[in-house]
Amino acid sequence: MPVTTAIHNLGAVCVLRLTVHRRRQVNRRFQDVIVVLLAVFSDPAWSGTDSDSTLNKVMTLLAGVKQFESTFVEKKQSGFLTDDLVLSGTLRFTAPNTLEKHVLSPFDEMITINHDQIIIERQEGDSVQRLVQMIPPAVRTIIDSVRATLAGDQTRLQRHYEIKVSGNDQSWSLQLLPKEPELTKYLRVITIDGIAEKIIRIVTEEVDGDRSVIEVTYKNIVAS
């Protein structure tokens, strides 16, 4: 799983009746989204005396972001695909709990995570399929980690990840290595590159060899 992600990503609320096959597709997509969103919104803590100062500065910068909108281009590589899958669309974060990923190409899909609920809406022809459900326990730890990151809770993050860092608070790169047995089943590592309070690249590597690279371009940002 391309690290999996955080990293394996809205309006009306109604649950359509889905076939078993459709539910499996949605669950797989949900896993990918959680991994992507974990990566997109992570500002992990790292270890090492020389890194403590940088960590504190980056965490403070990221925790100060109250809202942002960006565009993204994501390239997925998988043993199930003959060619790379390229997705593009927009990302939005509103502190403290709302994360949105809107895929615009090659299909139209909106994924919203708010508190303990996820909403997936996908345009299919003239109709929209919607799934609304509580976040499964298996991925709740990931969501909690995202929230801890946004809150600048270093202790909580280190509880779930071993974090390695390079660079400084103005140009940094992080590696998140999961500690939780549930995460290590499918997530190997997430590498996040950033400039100050902006995350510009997320590389997710999964245990099964699947990989995704997301390039992020900010449109606007609101910080305290």
N, C-alpha and C. Protein backbone atom coordinates (compact mmCIF):
# COMPACT_ATOMS: atom_id res chain seq x y z
N MET A 1 0.85 -1.18 0.00
CA MET A 1 0.00 0.00 0.00
C MET A 1 0.87 1.21 0.00
N PRO A 2 0.72 2.12 -0.96
CA PRO A 2 1.60 3.26 -1.04
C PRO A 2 1.58 4.01 0.23
N VAL A 3 2.31 3.58 1.15
CA VAL A 3 2.25 3.98 2.52
C VAL A 3 0.91 4.27 2.92
N THR A 4 0.71 3.69 2.95
CA THR A 4 -0.48 3.95 3.47
C THR A 4 -0.10 3.40 4.66
N THR A 5 -0.77 6.33 3.31
CA THR A 5 -1.38 6.55 3.73
C THR A 5 -1.77 5.79 3.87
N ALA A 6 -2.32 9.25 5.26
CA ALA A 6 -2.89 9.40 5.68
C ALA A 6 -3.47 9.72 5.70
N ILE A 7 -2.70 8.40 3.43
CA ILE A 7 -2.54 8.85 3.53
C ILE A 7 -2.79 7.92 2.64
N HIS A 8 -4.85 3.58 1.98
CA HIS A 8 -5.25 2.84 1.78
C HIS A 8 -5.74 3.22 2.14
N ASN A 9 -9.58 9.53 -0.28
CA ASN A 9 -9.56 10.50 -0.15
C ASN A 9 -10.36 11.03 -0.67
N LEU A 10 -21.53 14.99 -0.35
CA LEU A 10 -21.17 16.14 0.48
C LEU A 10 -22.28 17.13 0.53
N GLY A 11 -22.80 16.96 0.50
CA GLY A 11 -23.98 17.78 0.55
C GLY A 11 -25.06 16.93 1.09
N ALA A 12 -25.87 16.34 0.25
CA ALA A 12 -27.01 15.50 0.66
C ALA A 12 -26.52 14.27 1.40
N VAL A 13 -27.37 13.76 2.29
CA VAL A 13 -26.98 12.60 3.10
C VAL A 13 -27.98 11.46 2.90
N CYS A 14 -27.58 10.50 2.10
CA CYS A 14 -28.47 9.35 1.95
C CYS A 14 -27.64 8.17 1.50
N VAL A 15 -28.05 7.00 1.91
CA VAL A 15 -27.29 5.78 1.60
C VAL A 15 -28.04 4.97 0.56
N LEU A 16 -27.40 4.78 -0.60
CA LEU A 16 -28.02 3.96 -1.63
C LEU A 16 -27.77 2.48 -1.34
N ARG A 17 -28.64 1.68 -1.83
CA ARG A 17 -28.43 0.24 -1.72
C ARG A 17 -27.37 -0.15 -2.73
N LEU A 18 -26.31 -0.78 -2.24
CA LEU A 18 -25.18 -1.13 -3.11
C LEU A 18 -25.04 -2.64 -3.18
N THR A 19 -24.52 -3.11 -4.28
CA THR A 19 -24.23 -4.53 -4.40
C THR A 19 -22.98 -4.85 -3.59
N VAL A 20 -22.74 -6.14 -3.33
CA VAL A 20 -21.56 -6.53 -2.57
C VAL A 20 -20.30 -6.08 -3.29
N HIS A 21 -20.31 -6.19 -4.60
CA HIS A 21 -19.15 -5.78 -5.39
C HIS A 21 -18.91 -4.29 -5.22
N ARG A 22 -19.99 -3.50 -5.27
CA ARG A 22 -19.86 -2.06 -5.13
C ARG A 22 -19.34 -1.69 -3.74
N ARG A 23 -19.80 -2.38 -2.72
CA ARG A 23 -19.34 -2.09 -1.36
C ARG A 23 -17.84 -2.35 -1.23
N ARG A 24 -17.38 -3.44 -1.87
CA ARG A 24 -15.94 -3.73 -1.80
C ARG A 24 -15.14 -2.64 -2.49
N GLN A 25 -15.66 -2.15 -3.63
CA GLN A 25 -14.97 -1.06 -4.32
C GLN A 25 -14.91 0.17 -3.45
N VAL A 26 -16.01 0.51 -2.81
CA VAL A 26 -16.08 1.70 -1.95
C VAL A 26 -15.13 1.57 -0.78
N ASN A 27 -15.11 0.38 -0.14
CA ASN A 27 -14.23 0.18 1.00
C ASN A 27 -12.77 0.32 0.61
N ARG A 28 -12.42 -0.22 -0.57
CA ARG A 28 -11.04 -0.11 -1.05
C ARG A 28 -10.71 1.35 -1.32
N ARG A 29 -11.66 2.07 -1.97
CA ARG A 29 -11.45 3.49 -2.26
C ARG A 29 -11.31 4.28 -0.97
N PHE A 30 -12.14 3.92 0.04
CA PHE A 30 -12.09 4.60 1.32
C PHE A 30 -10.73 4.43 1.97
N GLN A 31 -10.18 3.21 1.90
CA GLN A 31 -8.87 2.95 2.46
C GLN A 31 -7.83 3.83 1.79
N ASP A 32 -7.89 3.91 0.45
CA ASP A 32 -6.93 4.74 -0.28
C ASP A 32 -7.05 6.20 0.14
N VAL A 33 -8.32 6.64 0.29
CA VAL A 33 -8.56 8.04 0.63
C VAL A 33 -7.99 8.37 2.00
N ILE A 34 -8.23 7.47 2.96
CA ILE A 34 -7.74 7.71 4.30
C ILE A 34 -6.23 7.85 4.30
N VAL A 35 -5.59 6.96 3.54
CA VAL A 35 -4.13 7.01 3.45
C VAL A 35 -3.69 8.32 2.83
N VAL A 36 -4.36 8.72 1.71
CA VAL A 36 -4.01 9.98 1.05
C VAL A 36 -4.23 11.16 1.97
N LEU A 37 -5.42 11.20 2.62
CA LEU A 37 -5.73 12.33 3.49
C LEU A 37 -4.78 12.39 4.68
N LEU A 38 -4.38 11.19 5.22
CA LEU A 38 -3.41 11.15 6.30
C LEU A 38 -2.11 11.81 5.84
N ALA A 39 -1.68 11.46 4.63
CA ALA A 39 -0.45 12.04 4.12
C ALA A 39 -0.60 13.52 3.89
N VAL A 40 -1.71 13.93 3.27
CA VAL A 40 -1.91 15.33 2.92
C VAL A 40 -1.94 16.22 4.14
N PHE A 41 -2.55 15.73 5.25
CA PHE A 41 -2.73 16.59 6.40
C PHE A 41 -1.82 16.23 7.58
N SER A 42 -0.70 15.52 7.33
CA SER A 42 0.18 15.15 8.42
C SER A 42 1.33 16.13 8.58
N ASP A 43 1.71 16.40 9.81
CA ASP A 43 2.88 17.19 10.15
C ASP A 43 3.55 16.50 11.31
N PRO A 44 4.11 15.31 11.08
CA PRO A 44 4.52 14.45 12.15
C PRO A 44 5.66 14.99 12.99
N ALA A 45 5.79 14.29 14.10
CA ALA A 45 6.86 14.61 15.01
C ALA A 45 8.03 13.71 14.74
N TRP A 46 9.19 14.22 14.91
CA TRP A 46 10.29 13.35 14.67
C TRP A 46 11.14 13.14 15.90
N SER A 47 12.11 12.23 15.79
CA SER A 47 12.99 11.97 16.91
C SER A 47 14.37 12.53 16.61
N GLY A 48 15.18 12.71 17.67
CA GLY A 48 16.52 13.21 17.47
C GLY A 48 16.63 14.63 18.00
N THR A 49 17.69 14.89 18.77
CA THR A 49 17.86 16.20 19.40
C THR A 49 17.93 17.31 18.38
N ASP A 50 18.66 17.12 17.28
CA ASP A 50 18.82 18.16 16.28
C ASP A 50 17.52 18.45 15.55
N SER A 51 16.58 17.53 15.59
CA SER A 51 15.33 17.70 14.86
C SER A 51 14.21 18.31 15.69
N ASP A 52 14.39 18.33 17.01
CA ASP A 52 13.32 18.79 17.89
C ASP A 52 12.88 20.21 17.57
N SER A 53 13.83 21.09 17.35
CA SER A 53 13.50 22.49 17.07
C SER A 53 12.75 22.62 15.76
N THR A 54 13.21 21.89 14.73
CA THR A 54 12.54 21.91 13.44
C THR A 54 11.13 21.35 13.56
N LEU A 55 11.01 20.26 14.28
CA LEU A 55 9.70 19.65 14.48
C LEU A 55 8.73 20.62 15.12
N ASN A 56 9.16 21.26 16.19
CA ASN A 56 8.29 22.20 16.89
C ASN A 56 7.84 23.33 15.99
N LYS A 57 8.76 23.82 15.16
CA LYS A 57 8.43 24.93 14.27
C LYS A 57 7.43 24.50 13.19
N VAL A 58 7.68 23.33 12.60
CA VAL A 58 6.80 22.85 11.54
C VAL A 58 5.41 22.54 12.10
N MET A 59 5.38 21.90 13.26
CA MET A 59 4.10 21.58 13.88
C MET A 59 3.30 22.84 14.17
N THR A 60 3.99 23.88 14.63
CA THR A 60 3.31 25.15 14.92
C THR A 60 2.77 25.77 13.64
N LEU A 61 3.56 25.72 12.56
CA LEU A 61 3.12 26.28 11.28
C LEU A 61 1.89 25.54 10.76
N LEU A 62 1.94 24.22 10.80
CA LEU A 62 0.84 23.42 10.25
C LEU A 62 -0.42 23.51 11.11
N ALA A 63 -0.23 23.55 12.42
CA ALA A 63 -1.38 23.66 13.31
C ALA A 63 -2.07 25.01 13.16
N GLY A 64 -1.33 26.00 12.64
CA GLY A 64 -1.90 27.33 12.45
C GLY A 64 -2.77 27.46 11.22
N VAL A 65 -2.77 26.42 10.36
CA VAL A 65 -3.59 26.47 9.14
C VAL A 65 -5.04 26.14 9.50
N LYS A 66 -5.92 27.10 9.30
CA LYS A 66 -7.34 26.91 9.63
C LYS A 66 -8.14 26.41 8.44
N GLN A 67 -7.68 26.71 7.24
CA GLN A 67 -8.38 26.26 6.04
C GLN A 67 -7.45 26.40 4.85
N PHE A 68 -7.56 25.47 3.90
CA PHE A 68 -6.86 25.65 2.64
C PHE A 68 -7.59 24.92 1.53
N GLU A 69 -7.36 25.39 0.32
CA GLU A 69 -7.84 24.73 -0.88
C GLU A 69 -6.66 24.55 -1.82
N SER A 70 -6.63 23.41 -2.50
CA SER A 70 -5.52 23.15 -3.42
C SER A 70 -5.99 22.27 -4.56
N THR A 71 -5.17 22.22 -5.58
CA THR A 71 -5.39 21.24 -6.64
C THR A 71 -4.38 20.11 -6.43
N PHE A 72 -4.66 18.96 -7.01
CA PHE A 72 -3.73 17.85 -6.87
C PHE A 72 -3.71 17.02 -8.15
N VAL A 73 -2.58 16.36 -8.35
CA VAL A 73 -2.45 15.34 -9.39
C VAL A 73 -1.85 14.12 -8.71
N GLU A 74 -2.54 12.99 -8.83
CA GLU A 74 -2.11 11.77 -8.17
C GLU A 74 -1.84 10.67 -9.20
N LYS A 75 -0.69 10.05 -9.08
CA LYS A 75 -0.34 8.94 -9.95
C LYS A 75 -0.27 7.67 -9.11
N LYS A 76 -1.08 6.66 -9.47
CA LYS A 76 -1.12 5.41 -8.74
C LYS A 76 -0.51 4.29 -9.57
N GLN A 77 0.33 3.50 -8.92
CA GLN A 77 0.91 2.32 -9.54
C GLN A 77 0.46 1.11 -8.75
N SER A 78 -0.03 0.09 -9.43
CA SER A 78 -0.56 -1.09 -8.75
C SER A 78 -0.37 -2.32 -9.61
N GLY A 79 -0.21 -3.44 -8.93
CA GLY A 79 -0.10 -4.70 -9.64
C GLY A 79 -1.38 -5.08 -10.35
N PHE A 80 -2.49 -4.44 -9.97
CA PHE A 80 -3.78 -4.70 -10.60
C PHE A 80 -4.01 -3.84 -11.85
N LEU A 81 -3.08 -2.89 -12.10
CA LEU A 81 -3.24 -1.98 -13.23
C LEU A 81 -2.19 -2.26 -14.29
N THR A 82 -2.60 -2.26 -15.54
CA THR A 82 -1.63 -2.42 -16.63
C THR A 82 -0.87 -1.13 -16.88
N ASP A 83 -1.52 0.01 -16.63
CA ASP A 83 -0.89 1.33 -16.76
C ASP A 83 -1.12 2.13 -15.49
N ASP A 84 -0.32 3.17 -15.29
CA ASP A 84 -0.51 4.05 -14.14
C ASP A 84 -1.88 4.71 -14.23
N LEU A 85 -2.53 4.86 -13.07
CA LEU A 85 -3.80 5.58 -13.00
C LEU A 85 -3.50 7.00 -12.52
N VAL A 86 -3.92 7.99 -13.30
CA VAL A 86 -3.67 9.39 -12.96
C VAL A 86 -5.00 10.06 -12.61
N LEU A 87 -5.08 10.58 -11.40
CA LEU A 87 -6.25 11.29 -10.93
C LEU A 87 -5.90 12.76 -10.71
N SER A 88 -6.88 13.62 -10.91
CA SER A 88 -6.68 15.04 -10.62
C SER A 88 -7.95 15.63 -10.07
N GLY A 89 -7.79 16.69 -9.29
CA GLY A 89 -8.96 17.32 -8.69
C GLY A 89 -8.55 18.34 -7.66
N THR A 90 -9.35 18.46 -6.58
CA THR A 90 -9.10 19.47 -5.56
C THR A 90 -9.12 18.83 -4.17
N LEU A 91 -8.41 19.48 -3.26
CA LEU A 91 -8.40 19.10 -1.86
C LEU A 91 -8.80 20.31 -1.02
N ARG A 92 -9.50 20.06 0.08
CA ARG A 92 -9.88 21.15 0.98
C ARG A 92 -9.84 20.65 2.42
N PHE A 93 -9.29 21.50 3.27
CA PHE A 93 -9.28 21.21 4.71
C PHE A 93 -9.87 22.39 5.45
N THR A 94 -10.79 22.10 6.38
CA THR A 94 -11.34 23.11 7.27
C THR A 94 -11.16 22.61 8.69
N ALA A 95 -10.38 23.34 9.49
CA ALA A 95 -10.10 22.93 10.86
C ALA A 95 -11.39 22.93 11.69
N PRO A 96 -11.55 21.98 12.62
CA PRO A 96 -10.53 20.99 12.96
C PRO A 96 -10.78 19.60 12.38
N ASN A 97 -11.95 19.36 11.78
CA ASN A 97 -12.31 17.97 11.49
C ASN A 97 -12.74 17.65 10.06
N THR A 98 -12.81 18.62 9.17
CA THR A 98 -13.39 18.36 7.86
C THR A 98 -12.32 18.26 6.78
N LEU A 99 -12.26 17.12 6.11
CA LEU A 99 -11.33 16.87 5.03
C LEU A 99 -12.13 16.49 3.79
N GLU A 100 -11.80 17.08 2.67
CA GLU A 100 -12.53 16.80 1.43
C GLU A 100 -11.56 16.53 0.28
N LYS A 101 -11.88 15.53 -0.51
CA LYS A 101 -11.12 15.23 -1.73
C LYS A 101 -12.12 15.11 -2.88
N HIS A 102 -11.97 15.96 -3.88
CA HIS A 102 -12.89 15.95 -5.02
C HIS A 102 -12.10 15.55 -6.27
N VAL A 103 -12.33 14.33 -6.71
CA VAL A 103 -11.70 13.85 -7.95
C VAL A 103 -12.52 14.36 -9.13
N LEU A 104 -11.87 15.03 -10.06
CA LEU A 104 -12.55 15.58 -11.24
C LEU A 104 -12.24 14.81 -12.51
N SER A 105 -11.11 14.12 -12.52
CA SER A 105 -10.71 13.34 -13.69
C SER A 105 -9.91 12.13 -13.21
N PRO A 106 -10.16 10.95 -13.80
CA PRO A 106 -10.98 10.61 -14.99
C PRO A 106 -12.45 10.34 -14.68
N PHE A 107 -12.86 10.50 -13.42
CA PHE A 107 -14.27 10.38 -13.04
C PHE A 107 -14.56 11.47 -12.03
N ASP A 108 -15.84 11.61 -11.67
CA ASP A 108 -16.26 12.66 -10.73
C ASP A 108 -16.66 12.00 -9.41
N GLU A 109 -15.89 12.26 -8.36
CA GLU A 109 -16.17 11.65 -7.07
C GLU A 109 -15.78 12.61 -5.94
N MET A 110 -16.67 12.75 -4.97
CA MET A 110 -16.41 13.60 -3.81
C MET A 110 -16.37 12.72 -2.57
N ILE A 111 -15.31 12.88 -1.77
CA ILE A 111 -15.17 12.15 -0.53
C ILE A 111 -15.00 13.16 0.59
N THR A 112 -15.86 13.09 1.59
CA THR A 112 -15.81 14.01 2.72
C THR A 112 -15.72 13.24 4.02
N ILE A 113 -14.77 13.62 4.86
CA ILE A 113 -14.64 13.04 6.19
C ILE A 113 -14.87 14.13 7.20
N ASN A 114 -15.88 13.94 8.05
CA ASN A 114 -16.24 14.96 9.03
C ASN A 114 -16.53 14.27 10.37
N HIS A 115 -15.74 14.61 11.40
CA HIS A 115 -15.87 13.96 12.69
C HIS A 115 -15.70 12.44 12.50
N ASP A 116 -16.70 11.64 12.82
CA ASP A 116 -16.58 10.18 12.69
C ASP A 116 -17.37 9.63 11.51
N GLN A 117 -17.68 10.49 10.55
CA GLN A 117 -18.51 10.08 9.42
C GLN A 117 -17.79 10.31 8.09
N ILE A 118 -18.04 9.41 7.14
CA ILE A 118 -17.51 9.59 5.79
C ILE A 118 -18.67 9.58 4.81
N ILE A 119 -18.60 10.47 3.83
CA ILE A 119 -19.61 10.55 2.77
C ILE A 119 -18.87 10.42 1.43
N ILE A 120 -19.32 9.46 0.62
CA ILE A 120 -18.75 9.27 -0.72
C ILE A 120 -19.85 9.47 -1.73
N GLU A 121 -19.63 10.39 -2.67
CA GLU A 121 -20.60 10.66 -3.72
C GLU A 121 -19.89 10.53 -5.07
N ARG A 122 -20.49 9.73 -5.95
CA ARG A 122 -19.88 9.52 -7.26
C ARG A 122 -20.91 9.71 -8.36
N GLN A 123 -20.54 10.53 -9.32
CA GLN A 123 -21.41 10.79 -10.46
C GLN A 123 -21.30 9.64 -11.45
N GLU A 124 -22.44 9.04 -11.79
CA GLU A 124 -22.48 7.97 -12.77
C GLU A 124 -23.62 8.25 -13.73
N GLY A 125 -23.26 8.78 -14.90
CA GLY A 125 -24.29 9.18 -15.86
C GLY A 125 -25.08 10.34 -15.32
N ASP A 126 -26.39 10.19 -15.31
CA ASP A 126 -27.26 11.26 -14.82
C ASP A 126 -27.57 11.13 -13.34
N SER A 127 -27.03 10.12 -12.69
CA SER A 127 -27.35 9.90 -11.29
C SER A 127 -26.09 9.99 -10.42
N VAL A 128 -26.32 10.16 -9.12
CA VAL A 128 -25.24 10.23 -8.15
C VAL A 128 -25.42 9.11 -7.14
N GLN A 129 -24.40 8.29 -6.97
CA GLN A 129 -24.44 7.24 -5.95
C GLN A 129 -23.81 7.79 -4.68
N ARG A 130 -24.47 7.57 -3.56
CA ARG A 130 -23.98 8.10 -2.29
C ARG A 130 -23.86 6.99 -1.25
N LEU A 131 -22.81 7.08 -0.49
CA LEU A 131 -22.63 6.17 0.63
C LEU A 131 -22.28 7.01 1.85
N VAL A 132 -23.03 6.84 2.92
CA VAL A 132 -22.77 7.55 4.17
C VAL A 132 -22.60 6.50 5.25
N GLN A 133 -21.49 6.55 5.98
CA GLN A 133 -21.28 5.57 7.03
C GLN A 133 -20.34 6.11 8.08
N MET A 134 -20.36 5.49 9.25
CA MET A 134 -19.42 5.84 10.29
C MET A 134 -18.05 5.28 9.90
N ILE A 135 -17.00 5.96 10.33
CA ILE A 135 -15.65 5.51 10.02
C ILE A 135 -15.40 4.18 10.72
N PRO A 136 -15.00 3.16 9.98
CA PRO A 136 -14.78 1.83 10.58
C PRO A 136 -13.69 1.88 11.66
N PRO A 137 -13.80 1.08 12.70
CA PRO A 137 -12.80 1.06 13.78
C PRO A 137 -11.39 0.81 13.26
N ALA A 138 -11.27 0.03 12.19
CA ALA A 138 -9.94 -0.33 11.67
C ALA A 138 -9.15 0.88 11.20
N VAL A 139 -9.85 1.96 10.80
CA VAL A 139 -9.14 3.14 10.30
C VAL A 139 -9.28 4.33 11.24
N ARG A 140 -9.94 4.11 12.38
CA ARG A 140 -10.15 5.23 13.31
C ARG A 140 -8.83 5.76 13.86
N THR A 141 -7.87 4.86 14.06
CA THR A 141 -6.56 5.29 14.54
C THR A 141 -5.89 6.23 13.56
N ILE A 142 -6.09 5.97 12.26
CA ILE A 142 -5.50 6.83 11.23
C ILE A 142 -6.13 8.21 11.30
N ILE A 143 -7.46 8.26 11.41
CA ILE A 143 -8.15 9.53 11.48
C ILE A 143 -7.72 10.30 12.72
N ASP A 144 -7.61 9.60 13.85
CA ASP A 144 -7.17 10.25 15.08
C ASP A 144 -5.77 10.83 14.92
N SER A 145 -4.93 10.12 14.15
CA SER A 145 -3.57 10.61 13.92
C SER A 145 -3.59 11.90 13.11
N VAL A 146 -4.49 11.96 12.13
CA VAL A 146 -4.62 13.18 11.33
C VAL A 146 -5.02 14.33 12.23
N ARG A 147 -6.01 14.10 13.09
CA ARG A 147 -6.49 15.15 13.98
C ARG A 147 -5.40 15.58 14.96
N ALA A 148 -4.61 14.61 15.42
CA ALA A 148 -3.52 14.93 16.34
C ALA A 148 -2.49 15.81 15.63
N THR A 149 -2.25 15.51 14.35
CA THR A 149 -1.30 16.30 13.58
C THR A 149 -1.79 17.74 13.45
N LEU A 150 -3.05 17.89 13.06
CA LEU A 150 -3.62 19.22 12.89
C LEU A 150 -3.62 19.99 14.20
N ALA A 151 -3.72 19.28 15.33
CA ALA A 151 -3.72 19.92 16.64
C ALA A 151 -2.30 20.17 17.16
N GLY A 152 -1.31 19.66 16.43
CA GLY A 152 0.07 19.81 16.86
C GLY A 152 0.42 18.93 18.05
N ASP A 153 -0.25 17.79 18.18
CA ASP A 153 -0.06 16.88 19.30
C ASP A 153 1.06 15.89 18.98
N GLN A 154 2.29 16.28 19.31
CA GLN A 154 3.45 15.48 18.96
C GLN A 154 3.47 14.13 19.68
N THR A 155 3.12 14.13 20.95
CA THR A 155 3.13 12.89 21.74
C THR A 155 2.19 11.86 21.14
N ARG A 156 1.03 12.32 20.73
CA ARG A 156 0.03 11.41 20.16
C ARG A 156 0.50 10.83 18.85
N LEU A 157 1.16 11.64 18.03
CA LEU A 157 1.67 11.16 16.75
C LEU A 157 2.77 10.12 16.93
N GLN A 158 3.66 10.39 17.87
CA GLN A 158 4.77 9.46 18.09
C GLN A 158 4.28 8.14 18.67
N ARG A 159 3.09 8.16 19.22
CA ARG A 159 2.51 6.92 19.73
C ARG A 159 2.20 5.95 18.59
N HIS A 160 1.91 6.50 17.40
CA HIS A 160 1.49 5.67 16.26
C HIS A 160 2.56 5.52 15.18
N TYR A 161 3.55 6.45 15.14
CA TYR A 161 4.53 6.42 14.07
C TYR A 161 5.94 6.67 14.57
N GLU A 162 6.87 6.00 13.90
CA GLU A 162 8.27 6.39 14.03
C GLU A 162 8.50 7.40 12.91
N ILE A 163 9.02 8.57 13.26
CA ILE A 163 9.12 9.65 12.26
C ILE A 163 10.57 10.08 12.08
N LYS A 164 10.98 10.13 10.82
CA LYS A 164 12.32 10.59 10.46
C LYS A 164 12.18 11.87 9.65
N VAL A 165 13.07 12.82 9.87
CA VAL A 165 12.98 14.12 9.21
C VAL A 165 14.31 14.56 8.65
N SER A 166 14.24 15.31 7.54
CA SER A 166 15.43 15.95 6.99
C SER A 166 15.05 17.36 6.55
N GLY A 167 16.04 18.25 6.46
CA GLY A 167 15.78 19.62 6.06
C GLY A 167 15.54 20.52 7.25
N ASN A 168 14.81 21.63 7.00
CA ASN A 168 14.48 22.57 8.07
C ASN A 168 13.02 22.97 7.94
N ASP A 169 12.57 23.90 8.81
CA ASP A 169 11.13 24.21 8.83
C ASP A 169 10.65 24.91 7.57
N GLN A 170 11.55 25.41 6.74
CA GLN A 170 11.15 26.08 5.50
C GLN A 170 11.22 25.16 4.28
N SER A 171 11.90 24.04 4.41
CA SER A 171 11.98 23.05 3.33
C SER A 171 12.30 21.70 3.98
N TRP A 172 11.27 20.87 4.14
CA TRP A 172 11.41 19.67 4.95
C TRP A 172 10.86 18.43 4.25
N SER A 173 11.32 17.29 4.76
CA SER A 173 10.85 16.00 4.27
C SER A 173 10.69 15.07 5.46
N LEU A 174 9.54 14.38 5.53
CA LEU A 174 9.24 13.49 6.64
C LEU A 174 8.99 12.08 6.13
N GLN A 175 9.39 11.11 6.92
CA GLN A 175 9.05 9.71 6.68
C GLN A 175 8.25 9.21 7.87
N LEU A 176 7.06 8.67 7.62
CA LEU A 176 6.20 8.12 8.66
C LEU A 176 6.21 6.61 8.56
N LEU A 177 6.72 5.96 9.59
CA LEU A 177 6.78 4.51 9.65
C LEU A 177 5.78 4.04 10.70
N PRO A 178 4.72 3.34 10.31
CA PRO A 178 3.67 2.97 11.26
C PRO A 178 4.14 1.99 12.32
N LYS A 179 3.64 2.21 13.54
CA LYS A 179 3.91 1.29 14.64
C LYS A 179 2.73 0.35 14.89
N GLU A 180 1.51 0.84 14.64
CA GLU A 180 0.30 0.08 14.92
C GLU A 180 0.24 -1.18 14.05
N PRO A 181 0.02 -2.34 14.65
CA PRO A 181 -0.08 -3.59 13.86
C PRO A 181 -1.13 -3.49 12.76
N GLU A 182 -2.24 -2.81 13.04
CA GLU A 182 -3.30 -2.69 12.04
C GLU A 182 -2.82 -1.90 10.82
N LEU A 183 -1.99 -0.89 11.06
CA LEU A 183 -1.46 -0.08 9.96
C LEU A 183 -0.39 -0.82 9.18
N THR A 184 0.48 -1.54 9.91
CA THR A 184 1.59 -2.21 9.24
C THR A 184 1.13 -3.34 8.33
N LYS A 185 -0.13 -3.75 8.42
CA LYS A 185 -0.65 -4.79 7.54
C LYS A 185 -0.68 -4.33 6.10
N TYR A 186 -0.91 -3.01 5.87
CA TYR A 186 -1.01 -2.55 4.50
C TYR A 186 -0.18 -1.31 4.20
N LEU A 187 0.31 -0.61 5.22
CA LEU A 187 1.09 0.60 5.00
C LEU A 187 2.55 0.41 5.36
N ARG A 188 3.44 0.67 4.43
CA ARG A 188 4.87 0.54 4.70
C ARG A 188 5.48 1.86 5.13
N VAL A 189 5.29 2.89 4.33
CA VAL A 189 5.87 4.19 4.67
C VAL A 189 5.17 5.29 3.88
N ILE A 190 5.12 6.48 4.49
CA ILE A 190 4.63 7.68 3.79
C ILE A 190 5.72 8.73 3.86
N THR A 191 6.07 9.29 2.73
CA THR A 191 7.05 10.36 2.67
C THR A 191 6.34 11.65 2.28
N ILE A 192 6.51 12.67 3.11
CA ILE A 192 5.82 13.94 2.90
C ILE A 192 6.85 15.05 2.77
N ASP A 193 6.78 15.80 1.67
CA ASP A 193 7.66 16.94 1.46
C ASP A 193 6.86 18.22 1.60
N GLY A 194 7.47 19.23 2.22
CA GLY A 194 6.75 20.48 2.41
C GLY A 194 7.64 21.70 2.42
N ILE A 195 7.00 22.84 2.26
CA ILE A 195 7.65 24.15 2.36
C ILE A 195 6.87 24.94 3.39
N ALA A 196 7.51 25.22 4.54
CA ALA A 196 6.85 25.92 5.65
C ALA A 196 5.56 25.18 6.00
N GLU A 197 4.40 25.88 5.93
CA GLU A 197 3.13 25.26 6.33
C GLU A 197 2.42 24.55 5.19
N LYS A 198 3.07 24.43 4.04
CA LYS A 198 2.44 23.82 2.88
C LYS A 198 3.05 22.46 2.56
N ILE A 199 2.20 21.48 2.37
CA ILE A 199 2.62 20.15 1.92
C ILE A 199 2.57 20.13 0.40
N ILE A 200 3.66 19.78 -0.24
CA ILE A 200 3.70 19.86 -1.70
C ILE A 200 3.77 18.49 -2.39
N ARG A 201 4.12 17.45 -1.63
CA ARG A 201 4.23 16.12 -2.25
C ARG A 201 4.01 15.03 -1.19
N ILE A 202 3.25 14.01 -1.57
CA ILE A 202 3.04 12.86 -0.69
C ILE A 202 3.30 11.59 -1.49
N VAL A 203 4.21 10.77 -1.00
CA VAL A 203 4.50 9.48 -1.63
C VAL A 203 4.09 8.39 -0.65
N THR A 204 3.15 7.55 -1.09
CA THR A 204 2.64 6.48 -0.23
C THR A 204 3.06 5.12 -0.80
N GLU A 205 3.66 4.32 0.05
CA GLU A 205 4.11 2.99 -0.38
C GLU A 205 3.44 1.93 0.48
N GLU A 206 2.74 1.01 -0.18
CA GLU A 206 2.02 -0.03 0.54
C GLU A 206 2.85 -1.32 0.62
N VAL A 207 2.45 -2.17 1.53
CA VAL A 207 3.16 -3.42 1.77
C VAL A 207 3.15 -4.30 0.53
N ASP A 208 2.06 -4.27 -0.24
CA ASP A 208 1.94 -5.13 -1.42
C ASP A 208 2.66 -4.58 -2.65
N GLY A 209 3.39 -3.45 -2.48
CA GLY A 209 4.15 -2.89 -3.59
C GLY A 209 3.43 -1.78 -4.33
N ASP A 210 2.14 -1.58 -4.06
CA ASP A 210 1.42 -0.46 -4.68
C ASP A 210 2.02 0.86 -4.20
N ARG A 211 1.91 1.88 -5.04
CA ARG A 211 2.56 3.16 -4.74
C ARG A 211 1.74 4.30 -5.33
N SER A 212 1.71 5.41 -4.64
CA SER A 212 1.05 6.60 -5.20
C SER A 212 1.89 7.83 -4.90
N VAL A 213 1.87 8.77 -5.85
CA VAL A 213 2.57 10.04 -5.69
C VAL A 213 1.56 11.15 -5.94
N ILE A 214 1.42 12.05 -4.97
CA ILE A 214 0.48 13.16 -5.09
C ILE A 214 1.26 14.47 -5.08
N GLU A 215 1.06 15.27 -6.10
CA GLU A 215 1.65 16.61 -6.18
C GLU A 215 0.54 17.60 -5.83
N VAL A 216 0.80 18.49 -4.87
CA VAL A 216 -0.20 19.43 -4.38
C VAL A 216 0.19 20.85 -4.71
N THR A 217 -0.77 21.62 -5.24
CA THR A 217 -0.55 23.04 -5.54
C THR A 217 -1.62 23.85 -4.82
N TYR A 218 -1.21 24.72 -3.93
CA TYR A 218 -2.15 25.50 -3.13
C TYR A 218 -2.79 26.62 -3.94
N LYS A 219 -4.11 26.78 -3.73
CA LYS A 219 -4.85 27.89 -4.35
C LYS A 219 -5.02 29.02 -3.35
N ASN A 220 -5.40 28.69 -2.13
CA ASN A 220 -5.48 29.69 -1.06
C ASN A 220 -5.36 29.00 0.28
N ILE A 221 -4.96 29.78 1.28
CA ILE A 221 -4.73 29.24 2.60
C ILE A 221 -5.10 30.30 3.63
N VAL A 222 -5.74 29.88 4.71
CA VAL A 222 -6.09 30.76 5.82
C VAL A 222 -5.38 30.26 7.06
N ALA A 223 -4.49 31.07 7.62
CA ALA A 223 -3.73 30.68 8.78
C ALA A 223 -3.87 31.73 9.87
N SER A 224 -3.69 31.30 11.11
CA SER A 224 -3.82 32.22 12.24
C SER A 224 -2.53 33.01 12.40
